[in-house]
Amino acid sequence: MPDFIFAYHGGKKPETEEEGAALMKRWQDWMEANQAAFVQPGNPVGMSKTVTSGGVEDNGGSNPLSGYSVVRGDTMDDVLAIAGTCPHLDMGTIEVAELLQM
């Protein structure tokens, strides 16, 4: 069964503690409902840097990464169904790619 990476893009910090607690609860419920698929729940990430042949940019690129997870599923469609119910979609996008075995 292949593994897939969810690369979360976009989003923002909650403005209040209450918003933060409500969002965290939604994430916990989503992860619990899909617990069997998670290989690595992942983490949010800080501002990234973009490395090019011309140097390093501090802007995080045109669509900065905000976090990641690694999930396992039989097919891309299986994991797309999981991604389609993620609370992150209220504030950003999720890029899904199969992790290829080398």
C-alpha atoms as a PDB file:
ATOM      1  CA  MET A   1       0.000   0.000   0.000  1.00  0.00           C
ATOM      2  CA  PRO A   2       1.586   3.320  -1.027  1.00  0.00           C
ATOM      3  CA  ASP A   3       2.234   6.339   1.160  1.00  0.00           C
ATOM      4  CA  PHE A   4       1.190   9.844   0.149  1.00  0.00           C
ATOM      5  CA  ILE A   5       2.196  13.271   1.386  1.00  0.00           C
ATOM      6  CA  PHE A   6      -0.319  15.996   2.132  1.00  0.00           C
ATOM      7  CA  ALA A   7       1.382  19.374   1.676  1.00  0.00           C
ATOM      8  CA  TYR A   8      -0.771  22.059   3.274  1.00  0.00           C
ATOM      9  CA  HIS A   9      -0.615  25.519   1.688  1.00  0.00           C
ATOM     10  CA  GLY A  10      -2.096  28.752   2.970  1.00  0.00           C
ATOM     11  CA  GLY A  11      -3.906  29.336   6.199  1.00  0.00           C
ATOM     12  CA  LYS A  12      -3.510  31.777   9.037  1.00  0.00           C
ATOM     13  CA  LYS A  13      -3.153  31.788  12.777  1.00  0.00           C
ATOM     14  CA  PRO A  14      -6.434  31.956  14.694  1.00  0.00           C
ATOM     15  CA  GLU A  15      -7.153  35.436  16.010  1.00  0.00           C
ATOM     16  CA  THR A  16      -8.431  34.343  19.436  1.00  0.00           C
ATOM     17  CA  GLU A  17      -7.819  31.493  21.847  1.00  0.00           C
ATOM     18  CA  GLU A  18     -11.388  30.331  21.270  1.00  0.00           C
ATOM     19  CA  GLU A  19     -10.862  30.154  17.505  1.00  0.00           C
ATOM     20  CA  GLY A  20      -7.614  28.279  18.083  1.00  0.00           C
ATOM     21  CA  ALA A  21      -9.289  25.756  20.404  1.00  0.00           C
ATOM     22  CA  ALA A  22     -12.174  25.194  17.971  1.00  0.00           C
ATOM     23  CA  LEU A  23      -9.780  24.682  15.050  1.00  0.00           C
ATOM     24  CA  MET A  24      -7.578  22.305  17.059  1.00  0.00           C
ATOM     25  CA  LYS A  25     -10.682  20.273  17.989  1.00  0.00           C
ATOM     26  CA  ARG A  26     -11.671  19.988  14.304  1.00  0.00           C
ATOM     27  CA  TRP A  27      -8.145  18.806  13.411  1.00  0.00           C
ATOM     28  CA  GLN A  28      -8.144  16.277  16.260  1.00  0.00           C
ATOM     29  CA  ASP A  29     -11.554  14.921  15.238  1.00  0.00           C
ATOM     30  CA  TRP A  30     -10.456  14.651  11.580  1.00  0.00           C
ATOM     31  CA  MET A  31      -7.216  12.896  12.470  1.00  0.00           C
ATOM     32  CA  GLU A  32      -8.994  10.514  14.841  1.00  0.00           C
ATOM     33  CA  ALA A  33     -11.593   9.645  12.181  1.00  0.00           C
ATOM     34  CA  ASN A  34      -8.765   8.824   9.737  1.00  0.00           C
ATOM     35  CA  GLN A  35      -6.290   7.444  12.272  1.00  0.00           C
ATOM     36  CA  ALA A  36      -5.693   4.167  10.432  1.00  0.00           C
ATOM     37  CA  ALA A  37      -4.419   6.032   7.355  1.00  0.00           C
ATOM     38  CA  PHE A  38      -1.905   8.284   9.114  1.00  0.00           C
ATOM     39  CA  VAL A  39       1.695   7.096   8.883  1.00  0.00           C
ATOM     40  CA  GLN A  40       2.945  10.414  10.263  1.00  0.00           C
ATOM     41  CA  PRO A  41       0.474  13.062  11.435  1.00  0.00           C
ATOM     42  CA  GLY A  42       3.023  15.721  10.538  1.00  0.00           C
ATOM     43  CA  ASN A  43       3.288  19.263  11.812  1.00  0.00           C
ATOM     44  CA  PRO A  44       2.763  22.857  10.835  1.00  0.00           C
ATOM     45  CA  VAL A  45       5.911  24.550   9.566  1.00  0.00           C
ATOM     46  CA  GLY A  46       7.417  28.017   9.913  1.00  0.00           C
ATOM     47  CA  MET A  47       8.219  30.392   7.072  1.00  0.00           C
ATOM     48  CA  SER A  48      10.235  28.645   4.413  1.00  0.00           C
ATOM     49  CA  LYS A  49      13.034  29.910   2.224  1.00  0.00           C
ATOM     50  CA  THR A  50      13.203  29.290  -1.507  1.00  0.00           C
ATOM     51  CA  VAL A  51      16.567  28.116  -2.830  1.00  0.00           C
ATOM     52  CA  THR A  52      17.282  28.728  -6.517  1.00  0.00           C
ATOM     53  CA  SER A  53      20.423  28.603  -8.621  1.00  0.00           C
ATOM     54  CA  GLY A  54      20.572  32.385  -8.116  1.00  0.00           C
ATOM     55  CA  GLY A  55      20.477  32.323  -4.329  1.00  0.00           C
ATOM     56  CA  VAL A  56      18.020  32.179  -1.441  1.00  0.00           C
ATOM     57  CA  GLU A  57      14.740  34.070  -1.121  1.00  0.00           C
ATOM     58  CA  ASP A  58      13.121  34.628   2.280  1.00  0.00           C
ATOM     59  CA  ASN A  59       9.560  34.859   1.004  1.00  0.00           C
ATOM     60  CA  GLY A  60       8.417  31.238   1.128  1.00  0.00           C
ATOM     61  CA  GLY A  61       7.579  31.228  -2.580  1.00  0.00           C
ATOM     62  CA  SER A  62       4.318  31.948  -4.334  1.00  0.00           C
ATOM     63  CA  ASN A  63       2.348  29.348  -2.345  1.00  0.00           C
ATOM     64  CA  PRO A  64       4.175  28.785   0.960  1.00  0.00           C
ATOM     65  CA  LEU A  65       4.044  25.427   2.674  1.00  0.00           C
ATOM     66  CA  SER A  66       2.236  25.610   6.009  1.00  0.00           C
ATOM     67  CA  GLY A  67       2.443  21.964   7.100  1.00  0.00           C
ATOM     68  CA  TYR A  68       2.453  18.309   6.061  1.00  0.00           C
ATOM     69  CA  SER A  69       1.133  14.831   6.869  1.00  0.00           C
ATOM     70  CA  VAL A  70       1.967  11.384   5.510  1.00  0.00           C
ATOM     71  CA  VAL A  71      -0.940   9.001   4.902  1.00  0.00           C
ATOM     72  CA  ARG A  72      -1.267   5.486   3.509  1.00  0.00           C
ATOM     73  CA  GLY A  73      -3.993   4.331   1.156  1.00  0.00           C
ATOM     74  CA  ASP A  74      -4.728   1.795  -1.543  1.00  0.00           C
ATOM     75  CA  THR A  75      -5.158   4.445  -4.228  1.00  0.00           C
ATOM     76  CA  MET A  76      -4.841   8.151  -4.866  1.00  0.00           C
ATOM     77  CA  ASP A  77      -8.649   8.341  -4.823  1.00  0.00           C
ATOM     78  CA  ASP A  78      -8.697   6.868  -1.302  1.00  0.00           C
ATOM     79  CA  VAL A  79      -6.379   9.530   0.088  1.00  0.00           C
ATOM     80  CA  LEU A  80      -8.048  12.320  -1.902  1.00  0.00           C
ATOM     81  CA  ALA A  81     -11.270  11.403  -0.098  1.00  0.00           C
ATOM     82  CA  ILE A  82      -9.472  11.870   3.232  1.00  0.00           C
ATOM     83  CA  ALA A  83      -7.931  15.176   2.115  1.00  0.00           C
ATOM     84  CA  GLY A  84     -11.338  16.368   0.947  1.00  0.00           C
ATOM     85  CA  THR A  85     -12.655  16.316   4.520  1.00  0.00           C
ATOM     86  CA  CYS A  86      -9.681  18.129   6.097  1.00  0.00           C
ATOM     87  CA  PRO A  87     -10.415  21.302   8.092  1.00  0.00           C
ATOM     88  CA  HIS A  88      -7.490  23.019   6.364  1.00  0.00           C
ATOM     89  CA  LEU A  89      -9.647  23.422   3.258  1.00  0.00           C
ATOM     90  CA  ASP A  90     -11.529  26.225   5.050  1.00  0.00           C
ATOM     91  CA  MET A  91      -8.391  28.373   4.814  1.00  0.00           C
ATOM     92  CA  GLY A  92      -6.069  26.898   2.212  1.00  0.00           C
ATOM     93  CA  THR A  93      -5.290  24.050  -0.154  1.00  0.00           C
ATOM     94  CA  ILE A  94      -3.784  20.578   0.106  1.00  0.00           C
ATOM     95  CA  GLU A  95      -1.361  19.225  -2.453  1.00  0.00           C
ATOM     96  CA  VAL A  96      -1.362  15.411  -2.529  1.00  0.00           C
ATOM     97  CA  ALA A  97       1.436  13.323  -4.032  1.00  0.00           C
ATOM     98  CA  GLU A  98       2.444   9.682  -3.846  1.00  0.00           C
ATOM     99  CA  LEU A  99       5.785   9.044  -2.152  1.00  0.00           C
ATOM    100  CA  LEU A 100       7.657   6.889  -4.624  1.00  0.00           C
ATOM    101  CA  GLN A 101       9.837   4.003  -3.458  1.00  0.00           C
ATOM    102  CA  MET A 102      13.387   4.236  -4.795  1.00  0.00           C
END
